[in-house]
Amino acid sequence: MENIINKIVDIDKKALDIKHKTEKMIDENGKRLNKKLSEIEKKELEKAKALGQKEYEKLIKQGQHKSNEIKLIAEKECEKLEKSYTRIHKKLEKEIFTKIFENN
C-alpha cells in the first residue's frame, strides 16, 4: 500500500514538474514571440517611414517642378507686358510730342 502511495506521490510530483516546465516553456515562447513581433513591427514601421519619406520627396519634387513652370509662365507674361508697355509708351510719346509741336 505504501508503495502505491509513493508511486502516486511520485506521479504527482512528476505531473507538477511537467506542469511547471510547460508553463515555463509557454512563458519563454511568449516572450520570444513578443520579441519577434516587436522586431517585425519595428522593421515594418521603418519600411513605412522610408516609403513615406520617398513619397514626400517625390511630392516636393513635383511641387518644385510645377512652381518652376508657373514661374516661367509668369516671367513670359511679364516680358509681354513690358514689351506692350514700352510699345504703347513710345507711341504715346510720339503722339504727345507731335501734338505739342504741331499746336505751336
N, C-alpha and C. Protein backbone atom coordinates (compact mmCIF):
# COMPACT_ATOMS: atom_id res chain seq x y z
N MET A 1 0.82 -1.20 0.00
CA MET A 1 0.00 0.00 0.00
C MET A 1 0.86 1.26 0.00
N GLU A 2 1.90 1.21 0.83
CA GLU A 2 2.80 2.36 0.91
C GLU A 2 3.48 2.58 -0.45
N ASN A 3 3.78 1.49 -1.11
CA ASN A 3 4.42 1.55 -2.41
C ASN A 3 3.50 2.25 -3.42
N ILE A 4 2.24 1.95 -3.37
CA ILE A 4 1.28 2.58 -4.27
C ILE A 4 1.16 4.06 -3.97
N ILE A 5 1.13 4.41 -2.69
CA ILE A 5 1.04 5.82 -2.29
C ILE A 5 2.29 6.56 -2.76
N ASN A 6 3.45 5.94 -2.60
CA ASN A 6 4.71 6.57 -3.04
C ASN A 6 4.70 6.77 -4.56
N LYS A 7 4.18 5.79 -5.29
CA LYS A 7 4.11 5.92 -6.75
C LYS A 7 3.15 7.06 -7.13
N ILE A 8 2.02 7.14 -6.40
CA ILE A 8 1.07 8.22 -6.67
C ILE A 8 1.71 9.57 -6.38
N VAL A 9 2.42 9.68 -5.26
CA VAL A 9 3.12 10.92 -4.91
C VAL A 9 4.18 11.22 -5.96
N ASP A 10 4.89 10.19 -6.39
CA ASP A 10 5.91 10.35 -7.43
C ASP A 10 5.28 10.85 -8.73
N ILE A 11 4.18 10.23 -9.12
CA ILE A 11 3.48 10.64 -10.34
C ILE A 11 2.98 12.07 -10.19
N ASP A 12 2.49 12.40 -9.02
CA ASP A 12 2.00 13.76 -8.76
C ASP A 12 3.14 14.77 -8.87
N LYS A 13 4.31 14.42 -8.29
CA LYS A 13 5.48 15.31 -8.37
C LYS A 13 5.91 15.50 -9.83
N LYS A 14 5.93 14.37 -10.58
CA LYS A 14 6.32 14.45 -11.99
C LYS A 14 5.31 15.28 -12.79
N ALA A 15 4.04 15.10 -12.48
CA ALA A 15 3.00 15.89 -13.16
C ALA A 15 3.16 17.37 -12.85
N LEU A 16 3.45 17.68 -11.58
CA LEU A 16 3.66 19.07 -11.18
C LEU A 16 4.91 19.63 -11.86
N ASP A 17 5.96 18.80 -11.92
CA ASP A 17 7.20 19.22 -12.58
C ASP A 17 6.94 19.48 -14.07
N ILE A 18 6.22 18.58 -14.71
CA ILE A 18 5.87 18.76 -16.12
C ILE A 18 5.03 20.02 -16.31
N LYS A 19 4.11 20.24 -15.39
CA LYS A 19 3.27 21.44 -15.46
C LYS A 19 4.12 22.70 -15.38
N HIS A 20 5.07 22.74 -14.42
CA HIS A 20 5.95 23.91 -14.27
C HIS A 20 6.83 24.11 -15.51
N LYS A 21 7.37 22.99 -16.02
CA LYS A 21 8.21 23.09 -17.22
C LYS A 21 7.39 23.60 -18.41
N THR A 22 6.17 23.09 -18.53
CA THR A 22 5.29 23.51 -19.62
C THR A 22 4.96 24.99 -19.49
N GLU A 23 4.63 25.43 -18.27
CA GLU A 23 4.33 26.86 -18.05
C GLU A 23 5.55 27.71 -18.37
N LYS A 24 6.73 27.22 -17.97
CA LYS A 24 7.97 27.95 -18.25
C LYS A 24 8.20 28.04 -19.76
N MET A 25 7.98 26.91 -20.48
CA MET A 25 8.14 26.91 -21.94
C MET A 25 7.15 27.87 -22.59
N ILE A 26 5.92 27.83 -22.12
CA ILE A 26 4.89 28.73 -22.67
C ILE A 26 5.30 30.18 -22.45
N ASP A 27 5.80 30.48 -21.25
CA ASP A 27 6.23 31.85 -20.93
C ASP A 27 7.41 32.26 -21.82
N GLU A 28 8.40 31.37 -21.95
CA GLU A 28 9.57 31.67 -22.79
C GLU A 28 9.17 31.84 -24.25
N ASN A 29 8.30 30.95 -24.72
CA ASN A 29 7.83 31.07 -26.11
C ASN A 29 7.06 32.37 -26.31
N GLY A 30 6.24 32.74 -25.32
CA GLY A 30 5.51 34.00 -25.40
C GLY A 30 6.45 35.19 -25.48
N LYS A 31 7.51 35.15 -24.66
CA LYS A 31 8.50 36.24 -24.67
C LYS A 31 9.21 36.29 -26.02
N ARG A 32 9.60 35.11 -26.53
CA ARG A 32 10.27 35.06 -27.83
C ARG A 32 9.36 35.58 -28.94
N LEU A 33 8.11 35.15 -28.90
CA LEU A 33 7.16 35.61 -29.92
C LEU A 33 6.92 37.11 -29.82
N ASN A 34 6.80 37.63 -28.60
CA ASN A 34 6.62 39.07 -28.43
C ASN A 34 7.83 39.84 -28.93
N LYS A 35 9.02 39.30 -28.66
CA LYS A 35 10.25 39.95 -29.14
C LYS A 35 10.28 39.95 -30.66
N LYS A 36 9.96 38.80 -31.25
CA LYS A 36 9.96 38.69 -32.71
C LYS A 36 8.91 39.62 -33.31
N LEU A 37 7.74 39.66 -32.67
CA LEU A 37 6.67 40.54 -33.14
C LEU A 37 7.12 42.01 -33.08
N SER A 38 7.81 42.37 -32.00
CA SER A 38 8.32 43.75 -31.87
C SER A 38 9.33 44.05 -32.96
N GLU A 39 10.20 43.07 -33.26
CA GLU A 39 11.19 43.26 -34.31
C GLU A 39 10.52 43.45 -35.67
N ILE A 40 9.53 42.61 -35.94
CA ILE A 40 8.79 42.72 -37.21
C ILE A 40 8.07 44.06 -37.30
N GLU A 41 7.44 44.43 -36.19
CA GLU A 41 6.72 45.71 -36.16
C GLU A 41 7.67 46.88 -36.40
N LYS A 42 8.84 46.84 -35.75
CA LYS A 42 9.83 47.90 -35.93
C LYS A 42 10.31 47.95 -37.38
N LYS A 43 10.57 46.77 -37.95
CA LYS A 43 11.04 46.70 -39.33
C LYS A 43 9.99 47.26 -40.29
N GLU A 44 8.74 46.89 -40.08
CA GLU A 44 7.66 47.38 -40.94
C GLU A 44 7.46 48.89 -40.78
N LEU A 45 7.60 49.38 -39.55
CA LEU A 45 7.48 50.83 -39.33
C LEU A 45 8.60 51.57 -40.06
N GLU A 46 9.80 51.00 -40.02
CA GLU A 46 10.93 51.62 -40.72
C GLU A 46 10.69 51.62 -42.24
N LYS A 47 10.15 50.50 -42.74
CA LYS A 47 9.82 50.44 -44.18
C LYS A 47 8.78 51.49 -44.53
N ALA A 48 7.75 51.58 -43.69
CA ALA A 48 6.68 52.55 -43.95
C ALA A 48 7.22 53.98 -43.89
N LYS A 49 8.11 54.22 -42.94
CA LYS A 49 8.71 55.56 -42.81
C LYS A 49 9.54 55.88 -44.05
N ALA A 50 10.33 54.92 -44.51
CA ALA A 50 11.15 55.13 -45.70
C ALA A 50 10.26 55.37 -46.92
N LEU A 51 9.19 54.60 -47.03
CA LEU A 51 8.27 54.78 -48.14
C LEU A 51 7.60 56.15 -48.07
N GLY A 52 7.19 56.53 -46.86
CA GLY A 52 6.58 57.85 -46.66
C GLY A 52 7.55 58.97 -47.03
N GLN A 53 8.81 58.82 -46.63
CA GLN A 53 9.83 59.82 -46.96
C GLN A 53 10.02 59.91 -48.47
N LYS A 54 10.03 58.74 -49.12
CA LYS A 54 10.21 58.71 -50.57
C LYS A 54 9.04 59.41 -51.26
N GLU A 55 7.83 59.13 -50.81
CA GLU A 55 6.64 59.78 -51.39
C GLU A 55 6.67 61.29 -51.13
N TYR A 56 7.09 61.67 -49.92
CA TYR A 56 7.19 63.09 -49.57
C TYR A 56 8.17 63.79 -50.51
N GLU A 57 9.34 63.19 -50.70
CA GLU A 57 10.34 63.78 -51.58
C GLU A 57 9.83 63.87 -53.03
N LYS A 58 9.10 62.85 -53.45
CA LYS A 58 8.51 62.84 -54.79
C LYS A 58 7.52 64.00 -54.94
N LEU A 59 6.67 64.18 -53.93
CA LEU A 59 5.69 65.27 -53.98
C LEU A 59 6.37 66.64 -53.95
N ILE A 60 7.41 66.77 -53.14
CA ILE A 60 8.16 68.04 -53.09
C ILE A 60 8.78 68.32 -54.45
N LYS A 61 9.36 67.30 -55.06
CA LYS A 61 9.98 67.47 -56.38
C LYS A 61 8.93 67.89 -57.42
N GLN A 62 7.77 67.25 -57.38
CA GLN A 62 6.69 67.61 -58.30
C GLN A 62 6.24 69.05 -58.06
N GLY A 63 6.14 69.42 -56.78
CA GLY A 63 5.74 70.78 -56.44
C GLY A 63 6.75 71.80 -56.93
N GLN A 64 8.03 71.50 -56.78
CA GLN A 64 9.07 72.41 -57.26
C GLN A 64 9.03 72.52 -58.78
N HIS A 65 8.80 71.40 -59.43
CA HIS A 65 8.70 71.41 -60.90
C HIS A 65 7.53 72.29 -61.34
N LYS A 66 6.38 72.11 -60.69
CA LYS A 66 5.19 72.90 -61.03
C LYS A 66 5.45 74.38 -60.73
N SER A 67 6.12 74.65 -59.62
CA SER A 67 6.46 76.02 -59.26
C SER A 67 7.35 76.66 -60.32
N ASN A 68 8.32 75.91 -60.81
CA ASN A 68 9.20 76.42 -61.87
C ASN A 68 8.43 76.70 -63.15
N GLU A 69 7.49 75.80 -63.48
CA GLU A 69 6.66 76.02 -64.67
C GLU A 69 5.85 77.31 -64.54
N ILE A 70 5.24 77.49 -63.38
CA ILE A 70 4.43 78.70 -63.14
C ILE A 70 5.31 79.94 -63.19
N LYS A 71 6.51 79.84 -62.63
CA LYS A 71 7.44 80.97 -62.64
C LYS A 71 7.83 81.34 -64.07
N LEU A 72 8.10 80.34 -64.90
CA LEU A 72 8.46 80.61 -66.30
C LEU A 72 7.30 81.27 -67.05
N ILE A 73 6.10 80.76 -66.82
CA ILE A 73 4.91 81.36 -67.47
C ILE A 73 4.75 82.80 -67.02
N ALA A 74 4.92 83.05 -65.72
CA ALA A 74 4.78 84.41 -65.19
C ALA A 74 5.85 85.34 -65.77
N GLU A 75 7.08 84.83 -65.90
CA GLU A 75 8.16 85.64 -66.47
C GLU A 75 7.86 85.99 -67.93
N LYS A 76 7.34 85.03 -68.68
CA LYS A 76 6.99 85.30 -70.09
C LYS A 76 5.88 86.33 -70.18
N GLU A 77 4.88 86.22 -69.30
CA GLU A 77 3.79 87.18 -69.29
C GLU A 77 4.30 88.58 -68.93
N CYS A 78 5.23 88.63 -67.97
CA CYS A 78 5.81 89.93 -67.60
C CYS A 78 6.57 90.54 -68.77
N GLU A 79 7.32 89.71 -69.49
CA GLU A 79 8.04 90.20 -70.66
C GLU A 79 7.07 90.75 -71.70
N LYS A 80 5.98 90.03 -71.93
CA LYS A 80 4.96 90.50 -72.88
C LYS A 80 4.40 91.84 -72.43
N LEU A 81 4.07 91.95 -71.14
CA LEU A 81 3.52 93.20 -70.62
C LEU A 81 4.51 94.35 -70.75
N GLU A 82 5.78 94.07 -70.45
CA GLU A 82 6.81 95.11 -70.57
C GLU A 82 6.97 95.55 -72.02
N LYS A 83 6.97 94.61 -72.96
CA LYS A 83 7.08 94.96 -74.38
C LYS A 83 5.87 95.78 -74.81
N SER A 84 4.70 95.34 -74.37
CA SER A 84 3.47 96.06 -74.71
C SER A 84 3.51 97.46 -74.11
N TYR A 85 3.93 97.58 -72.85
CA TYR A 85 4.03 98.88 -72.19
C TYR A 85 5.02 99.77 -72.95
N THR A 86 6.17 99.22 -73.28
CA THR A 86 7.19 100.00 -73.99
C THR A 86 6.67 100.47 -75.34
N ARG A 87 6.00 99.61 -76.07
CA ARG A 87 5.45 99.96 -77.38
C ARG A 87 4.39 101.07 -77.22
N ILE A 88 3.48 100.90 -76.28
CA ILE A 88 2.43 101.91 -76.07
C ILE A 88 3.05 103.22 -75.58
N HIS A 89 4.02 103.11 -74.69
CA HIS A 89 4.68 104.30 -74.14
C HIS A 89 5.35 105.09 -75.26
N LYS A 90 6.07 104.40 -76.13
CA LYS A 90 6.75 105.09 -77.25
C LYS A 90 5.73 105.73 -78.18
N LYS A 91 4.65 105.01 -78.44
CA LYS A 91 3.61 105.54 -79.31
C LYS A 91 3.00 106.80 -78.70
N LEU A 92 2.71 106.76 -77.40
CA LEU A 92 2.14 107.93 -76.73
C LEU A 92 3.14 109.10 -76.71
N GLU A 93 4.41 108.78 -76.50
CA GLU A 93 5.43 109.84 -76.52
C GLU A 93 5.43 110.55 -77.88
N LYS A 94 5.37 109.77 -78.95
CA LYS A 94 5.36 110.36 -80.29
C LYS A 94 4.12 111.20 -80.50
N GLU A 95 2.96 110.68 -80.06
CA GLU A 95 1.71 111.43 -80.22
C GLU A 95 1.76 112.74 -79.44
N ILE A 96 2.23 112.66 -78.19
CA ILE A 96 2.31 113.87 -77.37
C ILE A 96 3.31 114.85 -77.97
N PHE A 97 4.44 114.36 -78.40
CA PHE A 97 5.45 115.22 -79.00
C PHE A 97 4.90 115.89 -80.26
N THR A 98 4.22 115.11 -81.07
CA THR A 98 3.64 115.65 -82.31
C THR A 98 2.60 116.71 -81.99
N LYS A 99 1.71 116.45 -81.04
CA LYS A 99 0.66 117.41 -80.69
C LYS A 99 1.24 118.68 -80.10
N ILE A 100 2.28 118.55 -79.30
CA ILE A 100 2.89 119.74 -78.69
C ILE A 100 3.50 120.62 -79.78
N PHE A 101 4.22 120.06 -80.68
CA PHE A 101 4.90 120.85 -81.69
C PHE A 101 4.01 121.25 -82.85
N GLU A 102 2.95 120.52 -83.08
CA GLU A 102 2.01 120.90 -84.14
C GLU A 102 1.14 122.06 -83.68
N ASN A 103 0.82 122.14 -82.41
CA ASN A 103 -0.01 123.21 -81.88
C ASN A 103 0.77 124.51 -81.76
N ASN A 104 2.04 124.49 -81.77
CA ASN A 104 2.84 125.72 -81.64
C ASN A 104 3.13 126.29 -82.95
